[in-house]
Amino acid sequence: MATKPKVKKTVKKTASSDITKLRIRVSAYENKVLDASVKQIVDTAIRYDAKINGPIPLPTEIKKYTVNRSSFIDKNSREQFEMRVHKRLVDISNPSPKIIESLTNLNLPSGVNIDVKMM
């Protein structure tokens, strides 16, 4: 029984000018601050005539914590706290160097986390 010859695939690394998409993931605890910062990102990209997909709302991550109300009396009495992390996703296709530079110089409010991936 003959086996197929193995073919090695070569992957070329792309240069920084060959970026086809910027994927920006923005998260914050307050949705109003998040929406304002996403609007600022989108307005900056529109100013330089970029093609934009989004903002796409991602599921809200809810972290719940349960704490005893007192240290040693009435152990069954507890309090629950939660933290909500709101997220948005913005894709910018074929960004120019001007767009990348203007996005890095944005002044966004504190409490907003940004993850940028170049694809």
Protein backbone atom coordinates (compact mmCIF):
# COMPACT_ATOMS: atom_id res chain seq x y z
CA MET A 1 0.00 0.00 0.00
CA ALA A 2 1.50 3.31 -1.10
CA THR A 3 1.53 6.32 1.17
CA LYS A 4 1.06 9.88 0.06
CA PRO A 5 4.20 12.01 0.09
CA LYS A 6 4.16 14.63 2.83
CA VAL A 7 4.12 18.19 1.60
CA LYS A 8 5.51 20.90 3.85
CA LYS A 9 3.54 24.10 3.94
CA THR A 10 5.48 27.30 4.30
CA VAL A 11 3.96 30.21 6.16
CA LYS A 12 5.19 33.65 5.27
CA LYS A 13 5.29 36.29 7.96
CA THR A 14 3.52 39.46 6.98
CA ALA A 15 5.10 42.86 7.32
CA SER A 16 3.48 45.60 9.38
CA SER A 17 2.15 47.25 6.21
CA ASP A 18 0.29 44.05 5.23
CA ILE A 19 -2.11 44.18 8.19
CA THR A 20 -5.53 43.27 6.90
CA LYS A 21 -7.56 43.83 10.05
CA LEU A 22 -7.35 45.51 13.44
CA ARG A 23 -9.51 43.81 16.07
CA ILE A 24 -10.13 46.12 19.02
CA ARG A 25 -11.73 44.61 22.12
CA VAL A 26 -12.87 47.18 24.68
CA SER A 27 -14.10 46.32 28.19
CA ALA A 28 -15.22 48.36 31.21
CA TYR A 29 -17.28 48.10 34.37
CA GLU A 30 -19.68 50.89 33.35
CA ASN A 31 -21.54 50.62 30.06
CA LYS A 32 -21.95 54.40 29.55
CA VAL A 33 -18.20 55.00 29.78
CA LEU A 34 -17.64 52.02 27.49
CA ASP A 35 -20.05 53.26 24.84
CA ALA A 36 -18.50 56.75 24.91
CA SER A 37 -14.99 55.37 24.39
CA VAL A 38 -16.13 53.04 21.58
CA LYS A 39 -17.83 55.99 19.88
CA GLN A 40 -14.57 57.92 20.12
CA ILE A 41 -12.68 54.99 18.49
CA VAL A 42 -15.26 54.66 15.70
CA ASP A 43 -15.28 58.42 15.02
CA THR A 44 -11.48 58.41 14.75
CA ALA A 45 -11.56 55.53 12.27
CA ILE A 46 -14.35 57.14 10.20
CA ARG A 47 -12.34 60.38 10.00
CA TYR A 48 -9.67 58.49 8.02
CA ASP A 49 -12.20 56.63 5.80
CA ALA A 50 -11.70 53.16 7.28
CA LYS A 51 -14.11 50.28 6.84
CA ILE A 52 -15.56 49.43 10.26
CA ASN A 53 -17.49 46.42 11.55
CA GLY A 54 -19.09 47.06 14.90
CA PRO A 55 -19.29 47.91 17.69
CA ILE A 56 -20.46 44.39 18.42
CA PRO A 57 -21.68 43.88 22.00
CA LEU A 58 -20.19 40.77 23.58
CA PRO A 59 -21.80 38.92 26.51
CA THR A 60 -21.48 40.65 29.86
CA GLU A 61 -19.19 38.77 32.24
CA ILE A 62 -20.70 38.60 35.73
CA LYS A 63 -18.47 37.74 38.70
CA LYS A 64 -20.40 36.95 41.89
CA TYR A 65 -18.93 36.90 45.39
CA THR A 66 -20.66 35.60 48.53
CA VAL A 67 -19.44 36.88 51.91
CA ASN A 68 -20.48 36.09 55.49
CA ARG A 69 -22.06 39.14 57.15
CA SER A 70 -20.49 38.47 60.54
CA SER A 71 -17.37 36.62 61.49
CA PHE A 72 -18.66 34.03 63.98
CA ILE A 73 -22.32 34.72 64.86
CA ASP A 74 -25.14 33.73 62.50
CA LYS A 75 -23.15 31.87 59.85
CA ASN A 76 -26.22 31.52 57.60
CA SER A 77 -26.49 35.28 57.08
CA ARG A 78 -24.61 36.18 53.90
CA GLU A 79 -24.26 39.01 51.41
CA GLN A 80 -23.78 38.68 47.68
CA PHE A 81 -21.86 41.14 45.52
CA GLU A 82 -21.34 41.12 41.77
CA MET A 83 -19.10 42.82 39.26
CA ARG A 84 -20.27 43.21 35.68
CA VAL A 85 -17.72 43.57 32.88
CA HIS A 86 -19.24 44.95 29.68
CA LYS A 87 -17.40 44.27 26.40
CA ARG A 88 -17.49 45.57 22.82
CA LEU A 89 -15.68 44.45 19.67
CA VAL A 90 -14.69 46.71 16.76
CA ASP A 91 -13.04 45.47 13.55
CA ILE A 92 -11.22 47.89 11.25
CA SER A 93 -10.37 46.48 7.82
CA ASN A 94 -7.21 47.56 5.96
CA PRO A 95 -6.05 50.24 8.41
CA SER A 96 -3.60 52.85 7.22
CA PRO A 97 -0.64 53.97 9.34
CA LYS A 98 -2.48 57.26 10.04
CA ILE A 99 -5.37 55.35 11.60
CA ILE A 100 -3.07 53.27 13.80
CA GLU A 101 -1.19 56.38 14.94
CA SER A 102 -4.37 58.30 15.75
CA LEU A 103 -5.82 55.33 17.69
CA THR A 104 -2.68 55.08 19.83
CA ASN A 105 -2.90 58.80 20.69
CA LEU A 106 -6.52 58.65 21.94
CA ASN A 107 -7.20 59.79 25.50
CA LEU A 108 -9.77 57.38 26.88
CA PRO A 109 -11.27 57.52 30.39
CA SER A 110 -9.83 55.46 33.21
CA GLY A 111 -11.42 52.08 33.81
CA VAL A 112 -11.53 51.20 30.11
CA ASN A 113 -9.35 48.30 29.00
CA ILE A 114 -8.35 47.94 25.36
CA ASP A 115 -6.90 44.89 23.61
CA VAL A 116 -5.70 45.40 20.03
CA LYS A 117 -4.86 42.47 17.76
CA MET A 118 -3.41 42.84 14.30
CA MET A 119 -4.60 40.06 12.04
